[in-house]
């Protein structure tokens, strides 16, 4: 089958869209809390301590706004994508070379 990966990607995207639409209709007021919030609240429930009493081991810089935080996250993702693309391109390029026969 010539377009096997393309069809698989299309099916995955459509499945994600269907799951997203299903989740938003079943729970219309739900919000994604993020893993940090869920993890902190779960640890607080297990230990009996207030989540506000948790402090990081190293002091952390807080960006002045959510837009800057989102921009820095996007920059980090772009850098990771460039590194991964370079590695996969290099790997693919070297696999096409033929050695001495």
PDB file of N, CA and C in Angstrom:
ATOM      1  N   UNK A   1       0.846  -1.173   0.000  1.00  0.00           N
ATOM      2  CA  UNK A   1       0.000   0.000   0.000  1.00  0.00           C
ATOM      3  C   UNK A   1       0.894   1.240   0.000  1.00  0.00           C
ATOM      4  N   UNK A   2       0.673   2.087  -0.959  1.00  0.00           N
ATOM      5  CA  UNK A   2       1.577   3.209  -1.186  1.00  0.00           C
ATOM      6  C   UNK A   2       1.439   4.315  -0.152  1.00  0.00           C
ATOM      7  N   UNK A   3       0.244   4.662   0.232  1.00  0.00           N
ATOM      8  CA  UNK A   3       0.004   5.789   1.142  1.00  0.00           C
ATOM      9  C   UNK A   3      -0.386   5.318   2.541  1.00  0.00           C
ATOM     10  N   UNK A   4       0.243   4.277   3.015  1.00  0.00           N
ATOM     11  CA  UNK A   4      -0.118   3.690   4.308  1.00  0.00           C
ATOM     12  C   UNK A   4       0.086   4.673   5.464  1.00  0.00           C
ATOM     13  N   UNK A   5       1.235   5.347   5.519  1.00  0.00           N
ATOM     14  CA  UNK A   5       1.497   6.280   6.622  1.00  0.00           C
ATOM     15  C   UNK A   5       0.589   7.513   6.562  1.00  0.00           C
ATOM     16  N   UNK A   6       0.307   7.983   5.357  1.00  0.00           N
ATOM     17  CA  UNK A   6      -0.584   9.134   5.215  1.00  0.00           C
ATOM     18  C   UNK A   6      -1.994   8.794   5.689  1.00  0.00           C
ATOM     19  N   UNK A   7      -2.458   7.608   5.334  1.00  0.00           N
ATOM     20  CA  UNK A   7      -3.792   7.166   5.765  1.00  0.00           C
ATOM     21  C   UNK A   7      -3.816   6.991   7.277  1.00  0.00           C
ATOM     22  N   UNK A   8      -2.765   6.416   7.835  1.00  0.00           N
ATOM     23  CA  UNK A   8      -2.676   6.243   9.287  1.00  0.00           C
ATOM     24  C   UNK A   8      -2.690   7.596  10.008  1.00  0.00           C
ATOM     25  N   UNK A   9      -1.960   8.575   9.479  1.00  0.00           N
ATOM     26  CA  UNK A   9      -1.947   9.906  10.082  1.00  0.00           C
ATOM     27  C   UNK A   9      -3.327  10.557   9.995  1.00  0.00           C
ATOM     28  N   UNK A  10      -3.988  10.400   8.871  1.00  0.00           N
ATOM     29  CA  UNK A  10      -5.334  10.961   8.707  1.00  0.00           C
ATOM     30  C   UNK A  10      -6.319  10.322   9.680  1.00  0.00           C
ATOM     31  N   UNK A  11      -6.233   9.017   9.854  1.00  0.00           N
ATOM     32  CA  UNK A  11      -7.110   8.327  10.802  1.00  0.00           C
ATOM     33  C   UNK A  11      -6.830   8.811  12.224  1.00  0.00           C
ATOM     34  N   UNK A  12      -5.561   9.002  12.573  1.00  0.00           N
ATOM     35  CA  UNK A  12      -5.209   9.484  13.919  1.00  0.00           C
ATOM     36  C   UNK A  12      -5.747  10.891  14.157  1.00  0.00           C
ATOM     37  N   UNK A  13      -5.629  11.767  13.161  1.00  0.00           N
ATOM     38  CA  UNK A  13      -6.149  13.133  13.301  1.00  0.00           C
ATOM     39  C   UNK A  13      -7.667  13.114  13.436  1.00  0.00           C
ATOM     40  N   UNK A  14      -8.329  12.317  12.625  1.00  0.00           N
ATOM     41  CA  UNK A  14      -9.793  12.230  12.716  1.00  0.00           C
ATOM     42  C   UNK A  14     -10.226  11.647  14.060  1.00  0.00           C
ATOM     43  N   UNK A  15      -9.508  10.660  14.569  1.00  0.00           N
ATOM     44  CA  UNK A  15      -9.843  10.094  15.877  1.00  0.00           C
ATOM     45  C   UNK A  15      -9.671  11.137  16.972  1.00  0.00           C
ATOM     46  N   UNK A  16      -8.619  11.933  16.886  1.00  0.00           N
ATOM     47  CA  UNK A  16      -8.419  12.992  17.866  1.00  0.00           C
ATOM     48  C   UNK A  16      -9.555  14.012  17.815  1.00  0.00           C
ATOM     49  N   UNK A  17      -9.969  14.395  16.632  1.00  0.00           N
ATOM     50  CA  UNK A  17     -11.063  15.360  16.486  1.00  0.00           C
ATOM     51  C   UNK A  17     -12.356  14.793  17.067  1.00  0.00           C
ATOM     52  N   UNK A  18     -12.643  13.529  16.771  1.00  0.00           N
ATOM     53  CA  UNK A  18     -13.863  12.904  17.299  1.00  0.00           C
ATOM     54  C   UNK A  18     -13.814  12.845  18.827  1.00  0.00           C
ATOM     55  N   UNK A  19     -12.673  12.435  19.395  1.00  0.00           N
ATOM     56  CA  UNK A  19     -12.551  12.379  20.858  1.00  0.00           C
ATOM     57  C   UNK A  19     -12.677  13.763  21.481  1.00  0.00           C
ATOM     58  N   UNK A  20     -12.088  14.772  20.842  1.00  0.00           N
ATOM     59  CA  UNK A  20     -12.190  16.138  21.348  1.00  0.00           C
ATOM     60  C   UNK A  20     -13.646  16.611  21.344  1.00  0.00           C
ATOM     61  N   UNK A  21     -14.334  16.396  20.238  1.00  0.00           N
ATOM     62  CA  UNK A  21     -15.734  16.821  20.154  1.00  0.00           C
ATOM     63  C   UNK A  21     -16.607  16.054  21.149  1.00  0.00           C
ATOM     64  N   UNK A  22     -16.341  14.773  21.326  1.00  0.00           N
ATOM     65  CA  UNK A  22     -17.100  13.983  22.292  1.00  0.00           C
ATOM     66  C   UNK A  22     -16.873  14.495  23.717  1.00  0.00           C
ATOM     67  N   UNK A  23     -15.602  14.742  24.058  1.00  0.00           N
ATOM     68  CA  UNK A  23     -15.286  15.213  25.414  1.00  0.00           C
ATOM     69  C   UNK A  23     -15.888  16.581  25.689  1.00  0.00           C
ATOM     70  N   UNK A  24     -15.903  17.460  24.709  1.00  0.00           N
ATOM     71  CA  UNK A  24     -16.463  18.797  24.938  1.00  0.00           C
ATOM     72  C   UNK A  24     -17.990  18.773  25.022  1.00  0.00           C
ATOM     73  N   UNK A  25     -18.639  17.803  24.402  1.00  0.00           N
ATOM     74  CA  UNK A  25     -20.094  17.737  24.518  1.00  0.00           C
ATOM     75  C   UNK A  25     -20.516  17.047  25.805  1.00  0.00           C
ATOM     76  N   UNK A  26     -19.740  16.074  26.272  1.00  0.00           N
ATOM     77  CA  UNK A  26     -20.078  15.360  27.501  1.00  0.00           C
ATOM     78  C   UNK A  26     -19.796  16.239  28.727  1.00  0.00           C
ATOM     79  N   UNK A  27     -18.686  16.964  28.703  1.00  0.00           N
ATOM     80  CA  UNK A  27     -18.283  17.829  29.827  1.00  0.00           C
ATOM     81  C   UNK A  27     -18.077  19.251  29.318  1.00  0.00           C
ATOM     82  N   UNK A  28     -19.148  20.023  29.102  1.00  0.00           N
ATOM     83  CA  UNK A  28     -19.000  21.338  28.478  1.00  0.00           C
ATOM     84  C   UNK A  28     -18.237  22.357  29.333  1.00  0.00           C
ATOM     85  N   UNK A  29     -18.255  22.254  30.655  1.00  0.00           N
ATOM     86  CA  UNK A  29     -17.582  23.235  31.488  1.00  0.00           C
ATOM     87  C   UNK A  29     -16.227  22.790  31.983  1.00  0.00           C
ATOM     88  N   UNK A  30     -15.744  21.668  31.481  1.00  0.00           N
ATOM     89  CA  UNK A  30     -14.482  21.111  31.987  1.00  0.00           C
ATOM     90  C   UNK A  30     -13.292  21.932  31.510  1.00  0.00           C
ATOM     91  N   UNK A  31     -12.268  21.989  32.341  1.00  0.00           N
ATOM     92  CA  UNK A  31     -11.031  22.673  31.990  1.00  0.00           C
ATOM     93  C   UNK A  31      -9.873  21.708  32.196  1.00  0.00           C
ATOM     94  N   UNK A  32      -8.845  21.877  31.393  1.00  0.00           N
ATOM     95  CA  UNK A  32      -7.637  21.070  31.556  1.00  0.00           C
ATOM     96  C   UNK A  32      -6.769  21.738  32.614  1.00  0.00           C
ATOM     97  N   UNK A  33      -6.523  21.036  33.718  1.00  0.00           N
ATOM     98  CA  UNK A  33      -5.788  21.630  34.834  1.00  0.00           C
ATOM     99  C   UNK A  33      -4.290  21.550  34.643  1.00  0.00           C
ATOM    100  N   UNK A  34      -3.800  20.634  33.855  1.00  0.00           N
ATOM    101  CA  UNK A  34      -2.366  20.477  33.678  1.00  0.00           C
ATOM    102  C   UNK A  34      -1.800  19.505  34.707  1.00  0.00           C
ATOM    103  N   UNK A  35      -0.684  18.907  34.379  1.00  0.00           N
ATOM    104  CA  UNK A  35      -0.123  17.875  35.242  1.00  0.00           C
ATOM    105  C   UNK A  35       0.458  18.452  36.529  1.00  0.00           C
ATOM    106  N   UNK A  36       0.973  19.678  36.496  1.00  0.00           N
ATOM    107  CA  UNK A  36       1.540  20.267  37.710  1.00  0.00           C
ATOM    108  C   UNK A  36       0.465  20.476  38.766  1.00  0.00           C
ATOM    109  N   UNK A  37      -0.670  21.008  38.363  1.00  0.00           N
ATOM    110  CA  UNK A  37      -1.742  21.269  39.307  1.00  0.00           C
ATOM    111  C   UNK A  37      -2.315  19.970  39.865  1.00  0.00           C
ATOM    112  N   UNK A  38      -2.535  19.003  38.991  1.00  0.00           N
ATOM    113  CA  UNK A  38      -3.097  17.725  39.426  1.00  0.00           C
ATOM    114  C   UNK A  38      -2.115  17.007  40.339  1.00  0.00           C
ATOM    115  N   UNK A  39      -0.841  17.012  39.984  1.00  0.00           N
ATOM    116  CA  UNK A  39       0.161  16.347  40.811  1.00  0.00           C
ATOM    117  C   UNK A  39       0.299  16.987  42.177  1.00  0.00           C
ATOM    118  N   UNK A  40       0.329  18.312  42.216  1.00  0.00           N
ATOM    119  CA  UNK A  40       0.446  19.015  43.497  1.00  0.00           C
ATOM    120  C   UNK A  40      -0.757  18.753  44.392  1.00  0.00           C
ATOM    121  N   UNK A  41      -1.944  18.787  43.808  1.00  0.00           N
ATOM    122  CA  UNK A  41      -3.141  18.556  44.629  1.00  0.00           C
ATOM    123  C   UNK A  41      -3.192  17.108  45.124  1.00  0.00           C
ATOM    124  N   UNK A  42      -2.716  16.161  44.309  1.00  0.00           N
ATOM    125  CA  UNK A  42      -2.709  14.753  44.732  1.00  0.00           C
ATOM    126  C   UNK A  42      -1.697  14.535  45.859  1.00  0.00           C
ATOM    127  N   UNK A  43      -0.518  15.140  45.755  1.00  0.00           N
ATOM    128  CA  UNK A  43       0.481  15.037  46.816  1.00  0.00           C
ATOM    129  C   UNK A  43      -0.040  15.681  48.089  1.00  0.00           C
ATOM    130  N   UNK A  44      -0.721  16.829  47.949  1.00  0.00           N
ATOM    131  CA  UNK A  44      -1.291  17.498  49.113  1.00  0.00           C
ATOM    132  C   UNK A  44      -2.346  16.622  49.783  1.00  0.00           C
ATOM    133  N   UNK A  45      -3.144  15.927  48.982  1.00  0.00           N
ATOM    134  CA  UNK A  45      -4.166  15.052  49.556  1.00  0.00           C
ATOM    135  C   UNK A  45      -3.530  13.863  50.272  1.00  0.00           C
ATOM    136  N   UNK A  46      -2.446  13.338  49.748  1.00  0.00           N
ATOM    137  CA  UNK A  46      -1.790  12.192  50.367  1.00  0.00           C
ATOM    138  C   UNK A  46      -1.020  12.570  51.635  1.00  0.00           C
ATOM    139  N   UNK A  47      -0.399  13.755  51.627  1.00  0.00           N
ATOM    140  CA  UNK A  47       0.421  14.154  52.773  1.00  0.00           C
ATOM    141  C   UNK A  47      -0.348  14.961  53.804  1.00  0.00           C
ATOM    142  N   UNK A  48      -1.469  15.539  53.417  1.00  0.00           N
ATOM    143  CA  UNK A  48      -2.240  16.368  54.333  1.00  0.00           C
ATOM    144  C   UNK A  48      -1.697  17.786  54.477  1.00  0.00           C
ATOM    145  N   UNK A  49      -0.769  18.174  53.606  1.00  0.00           N
ATOM    146  CA  UNK A  49      -0.207  19.528  53.640  1.00  0.00           C
ATOM    147  C   UNK A  49      -0.909  20.417  52.628  1.00  0.00           C
ATOM    148  N   UNK A  50      -0.868  21.706  52.870  1.00  0.00           N
ATOM    149  CA  UNK A  50      -1.451  22.684  51.952  1.00  0.00           C
ATOM    150  C   UNK A  50      -0.561  22.806  50.713  1.00  0.00           C
ATOM    151  N   UNK A  51      -1.138  22.820  49.497  1.00  0.00           N
ATOM    152  CA  UNK A  51      -0.308  22.952  48.290  1.00  0.00           C
ATOM    153  C   UNK A  51       0.522  24.240  48.271  1.00  0.00           C
ATOM    154  N   UNK A  52       0.071  25.281  48.938  1.00  0.00           N
ATOM    155  CA  UNK A  52       0.837  26.532  48.964  1.00  0.00           C
ATOM    156  C   UNK A  52       2.115  26.397  49.779  1.00  0.00           C
ATOM    157  N   UNK A  53       2.220  25.383  50.629  1.00  0.00           N
ATOM    158  CA  UNK A  53       3.419  25.216  51.452  1.00  0.00           C
ATOM    159  C   UNK A  53       4.555  24.535  50.692  1.00  0.00           C
ATOM    160  N   UNK A  54       4.274  24.001  49.505  1.00  0.00           N
ATOM    161  CA  UNK A  54       5.330  23.382  48.712  1.00  0.00           C
ATOM    162  C   UNK A  54       6.185  24.467  48.070  1.00  0.00           C
ATOM    163  N   UNK A  55       7.494  24.337  48.186  1.00  0.00           N
ATOM    164  CA  UNK A  55       8.410  25.292  47.553  1.00  0.00           C
ATOM    165  C   UNK A  55       9.406  24.508  46.704  1.00  0.00           C
ATOM    166  N   UNK A  56       9.812  25.063  45.572  1.00  0.00           N
ATOM    167  CA  UNK A  56      10.773  24.353  44.728  1.00  0.00           C
ATOM    168  C   UNK A  56      12.167  24.348  45.366  1.00  0.00           C
ATOM    169  N   UNK A  57      12.971  23.369  44.982  1.00  0.00           N
ATOM    170  CA  UNK A  57      14.332  23.284  45.495  1.00  0.00           C
ATOM    171  C   UNK A  57      15.202  24.427  44.978  1.00  0.00           C
ATOM    172  N   UNK A  58      15.002  24.798  43.721  1.00  0.00           N
ATOM    173  CA  UNK A  58      15.737  25.906  43.121  1.00  0.00           C
ATOM    174  C   UNK A  58      14.779  27.058  42.874  1.00  0.00           C
ATOM    175  N   UNK A  59      15.217  28.289  43.109  1.00  0.00           N
ATOM    176  CA  UNK A  59      14.318  29.418  42.822  1.00  0.00           C
ATOM    177  C   UNK A  59      14.020  29.481  41.324  1.00  0.00           C
ATOM    178  N   UNK A  60      12.779  29.768  40.995  1.00  0.00           N
ATOM    179  CA  UNK A  60      12.370  29.758  39.599  1.00  0.00           C
ATOM    180  C   UNK A  60      11.977  31.156  39.155  1.00  0.00           C
ATOM    181  N   UNK A  61      12.338  31.471  37.899  1.00  0.00           N
ATOM    182  CA  UNK A  61      11.950  32.742  37.312  1.00  0.00           C
ATOM    183  C   UNK A  61      10.523  32.641  36.813  1.00  0.00           C
ATOM    184  N   UNK A  62       9.713  33.616  37.138  1.00  0.00           N
ATOM    185  CA  UNK A  62       8.320  33.636  36.676  1.00  0.00           C
ATOM    186  C   UNK A  62       8.205  34.683  35.574  1.00  0.00           C
ATOM    187  N   UNK A  63       7.719  34.296  34.395  1.00  0.00           N
ATOM    188  CA  UNK A  63       7.561  35.283  33.326  1.00  0.00           C
ATOM    189  C   UNK A  63       6.511  36.315  33.700  1.00  0.00           C
ATOM    190  N   UNK A  64       6.653  37.544  33.191  1.00  0.00           N
ATOM    191  CA  UNK A  64       5.718  38.606  33.561  1.00  0.00           C
ATOM    192  C   UNK A  64       4.281  38.385  33.084  1.00  0.00           C
ATOM    193  N   UNK A  65       4.082  37.573  32.032  1.00  0.00           N
ATOM    194  CA  UNK A  65       2.710  37.343  31.561  1.00  0.00           C
ATOM    195  C   UNK A  65       2.603  35.952  30.948  1.00  0.00           C
ATOM    196  N   UNK A  66       1.378  35.530  30.762  1.00  0.00           N
ATOM    197  CA  UNK A  66       1.125  34.229  30.159  1.00  0.00           C
ATOM    198  C   UNK A  66       1.540  34.167  28.702  1.00  0.00           C
ATOM    199  N   UNK A  67       1.473  35.317  28.007  1.00  0.00           N
ATOM    200  CA  UNK A  67       1.866  35.352  26.606  1.00  0.00           C
ATOM    201  C   UNK A  67       3.362  35.096  26.455  1.00  0.00           C
ATOM    202  N   UNK A  68       4.157  35.663  27.350  1.00  0.00           N
ATOM    203  CA  UNK A  68       5.601  35.445  27.296  1.00  0.00           C
ATOM    204  C   UNK A  68       5.911  33.986  27.615  1.00  0.00           C
ATOM    205  N   UNK A  69       5.210  33.433  28.582  1.00  0.00           N
ATOM    206  CA  UNK A  69       5.407  32.023  28.931  1.00  0.00           C
ATOM    207  C   UNK A  69       5.068  31.123  27.744  1.00  0.00           C
ATOM    208  N   UNK A  70       3.959  31.409  27.067  1.00  0.00           N
ATOM    209  CA  UNK A  70       3.565  30.617  25.908  1.00  0.00           C
ATOM    210  C   UNK A  70       4.573  30.784  24.776  1.00  0.00           C
ATOM    211  N   UNK A  71       5.079  31.993  24.586  1.00  0.00           N
ATOM    212  CA  UNK A  71       6.082  32.223  23.550  1.00  0.00           C
ATOM    213  C   UNK A  71       7.367  31.474  23.826  1.00  0.00           C
ATOM    214  N   UNK A  72       7.803  31.457  25.078  1.00  0.00           N
ATOM    215  CA  UNK A  72       9.009  30.716  25.430  1.00  0.00           C
ATOM    216  C   UNK A  72       8.811  29.214  25.245  1.00  0.00           C
ATOM    217  N   UNK A  73       7.618  28.735  25.571  1.00  0.00           N
ATOM    218  CA  UNK A  73       7.323  27.313  25.363  1.00  0.00           C
ATOM    219  C   UNK A  73       7.340  26.977  23.880  1.00  0.00           C
ATOM    220  N   UNK A  74       6.778  27.862  23.042  1.00  0.00           N
ATOM    221  CA  UNK A  74       6.782  27.632  21.595  1.00  0.00           C
ATOM    222  C   UNK A  74       8.206  27.661  21.055  1.00  0.00           C
ATOM    223  N   UNK A  75       9.044  28.564  21.567  1.00  0.00           N
ATOM    224  CA  UNK A  75      10.443  28.623  21.148  1.00  0.00           C
ATOM    225  C   UNK A  75      11.174  27.337  21.529  1.00  0.00           C
ATOM    226  N   UNK A  76      10.901  26.831  22.718  1.00  0.00           N
ATOM    227  CA  UNK A  76      11.509  25.581  23.167  1.00  0.00           C
ATOM    228  C   UNK A  76      11.068  24.424  22.267  1.00  0.00           C
ATOM    229  N   UNK A  77       9.793  24.383  21.920  1.00  0.00           N
ATOM    230  CA  UNK A  77       9.292  23.320  21.044  1.00  0.00           C
ATOM    231  C   UNK A  77       9.906  23.422  19.651  1.00  0.00           C
ATOM    232  N   UNK A  78      10.074  24.649  19.145  1.00  0.00           N
ATOM    233  CA  UNK A  78      10.678  24.830  17.823  1.00  0.00           C
ATOM    234  C   UNK A  78      12.134  24.377  17.820  1.00  0.00           C
ATOM    235  N   UNK A  79      12.867  24.699  18.857  1.00  0.00           N
ATOM    236  CA  UNK A  79      14.270  24.258  18.948  1.00  0.00           C
ATOM    237  C   UNK A  79      14.344  22.739  19.012  1.00  0.00           C
ATOM    238  N   UNK A  80      13.478  22.124  19.770  1.00  0.00           N
ATOM    239  CA  UNK A  80      13.445  20.659  19.834  1.00  0.00           C
ATOM    240  C   UNK A  80      13.096  20.043  18.488  1.00  0.00           C
ATOM    241  N   UNK A  81      12.166  20.671  17.773  1.00  0.00           N
ATOM    242  CA  UNK A  81      11.804  20.182  16.442  1.00  0.00           C
ATOM    243  C   UNK A  81      12.949  20.298  15.454  1.00  0.00           C
ATOM    244  N   UNK A  82      13.700  21.391  15.557  1.00  0.00           N
ATOM    245  CA  UNK A  82      14.865  21.551  14.684  1.00  0.00           C
ATOM    246  C   UNK A  82      15.924  20.482  14.968  1.00  0.00           C
ATOM    247  N   UNK A  83      16.186  20.231  16.232  1.00  0.00           N
ATOM    248  CA  UNK A  83      17.176  19.214  16.592  1.00  0.00           C
ATOM    249  C   UNK A  83      16.711  17.837  16.127  1.00  0.00           C
ATOM    250  N   UNK A  84      15.455  17.505  16.379  1.00  0.00           N
ATOM    251  CA  UNK A  84      14.938  16.198  15.953  1.00  0.00           C
ATOM    252  C   UNK A  84      14.954  16.087  14.435  1.00  0.00           C
ATOM    253  N   UNK A  85      14.576  17.148  13.724  1.00  0.00           N
ATOM    254  CA  UNK A  85      14.609  17.129  12.261  1.00  0.00           C
ATOM    255  C   UNK A  85      16.006  16.958  11.719  1.00  0.00           C
ATOM    256  N   UNK A  86      16.974  17.630  12.333  1.00  0.00           N
ATOM    257  CA  UNK A  86      18.363  17.487  11.899  1.00  0.00           C
ATOM    258  C   UNK A  86      18.840  16.044  12.101  1.00  0.00           C
ATOM    259  N   UNK A  87      18.524  15.473  13.260  1.00  0.00           N
ATOM    260  CA  UNK A  87      18.966  14.100  13.546  1.00  0.00           C
ATOM    261  C   UNK A  87      18.329  13.113  12.584  1.00  0.00           C
ATOM    262  N   UNK A  88      17.021  13.231  12.359  1.00  0.00           N
ATOM    263  CA  UNK A  88      16.355  12.306  11.441  1.00  0.00           C
ATOM    264  C   UNK A  88      16.828  12.512  10.002  1.00  0.00           C
ATOM    265  N   UNK A  89      17.058  13.768   9.600  1.00  0.00           N
ATOM    266  CA  UNK A  89      17.566  14.033   8.257  1.00  0.00           C
ATOM    267  C   UNK A  89      18.955  13.473   8.060  1.00  0.00           C
ATOM    268  N   UNK A  90      19.781  13.636   9.051  1.00  0.00           N
ATOM    269  CA  UNK A  90      21.146  13.099   8.986  1.00  0.00           C
ATOM    270  C   UNK A  90      21.114  11.568   8.912  1.00  0.00           C
ATOM    271  N   UNK A  91      20.250  10.982   9.728  1.00  0.00           N
ATOM    272  CA  UNK A  91      20.111   9.527   9.758  1.00  0.00           C
ATOM    273  C   UNK A  91      19.613   9.007   8.407  1.00  0.00           C
ATOM    274  N   UNK A  92      18.615   9.676   7.848  1.00  0.00           N
ATOM    275  CA  UNK A  92      18.058   9.267   6.563  1.00  0.00           C
ATOM    276  C   UNK A  92      19.086   9.471   5.455  1.00  0.00           C
ATOM    277  N   UNK A  93      19.840  10.574   5.508  1.00  0.00           N
ATOM    278  CA  UNK A  93      20.854  10.832   4.490  1.00  0.00           C
ATOM    279  C   UNK A  93      21.976   9.814   4.517  1.00  0.00           C
ATOM    280  N   UNK A  94      22.384   9.413   5.702  1.00  0.00           N
ATOM    281  CA  UNK A  94      23.458   8.437   5.805  1.00  0.00           C
ATOM    282  C   UNK A  94      23.012   7.040   5.406  1.00  0.00           C
ATOM    283  N   UNK A  95      21.727   6.742   5.591  1.00  0.00           N
ATOM    284  CA  UNK A  95      21.237   5.413   5.215  1.00  0.00           C
ATOM    285  C   UNK A  95      21.185   5.270   3.689  1.00  0.00           C
ATOM    286  N   UNK A  96      21.132   6.374   2.972  1.00  0.00           N
ATOM    287  CA  UNK A  96      21.081   6.320   1.502  1.00  0.00           C
ATOM    288  C   UNK A  96      22.449   6.213   0.876  1.00  0.00           C
ATOM    289  N   UNK A  97      23.509   6.507   1.610  1.00  0.00           N
ATOM    290  CA  UNK A  97      24.862   6.416   1.061  1.00  0.00           C
ATOM    291  C   UNK A  97      25.281   4.965   0.937  1.00  0.00           C
ATOM    292  N   UNK A  98      26.035   4.703  -0.095  1.00  0.00           N
ATOM    293  CA  UNK A  98      26.549   3.348  -0.266  1.00  0.00           C
ATOM    294  C   UNK A  98      28.036   3.355   0.010  1.00  0.00           C
ATOM    295  N   UNK A  99      28.478   2.367   0.717  1.00  0.00           N
ATOM    296  CA  UNK A  99      29.888   2.255   1.045  1.00  0.00           C
ATOM    297  C   UNK A  99      30.676   1.664  -0.101  1.00  0.00           C
ATOM    298  N   UNK A 100      31.981   1.473   0.110  1.00  0.00           N
ATOM    299  CA  UNK A 100      32.802   0.878  -0.951  1.00  0.00           C
ATOM    300  C   UNK A 100      32.375  -0.566  -1.225  1.00  0.00           C
ATOM    301  N   UNK A 101      32.345  -0.898  -2.489  1.00  0.00           N
ATOM    302  CA  UNK A 101      31.899  -2.239  -2.863  1.00  0.00           C
ATOM    303  C   UNK A 101      33.028  -3.114  -3.257  1.00  0.00           C
TER     304      UNK A 101
END
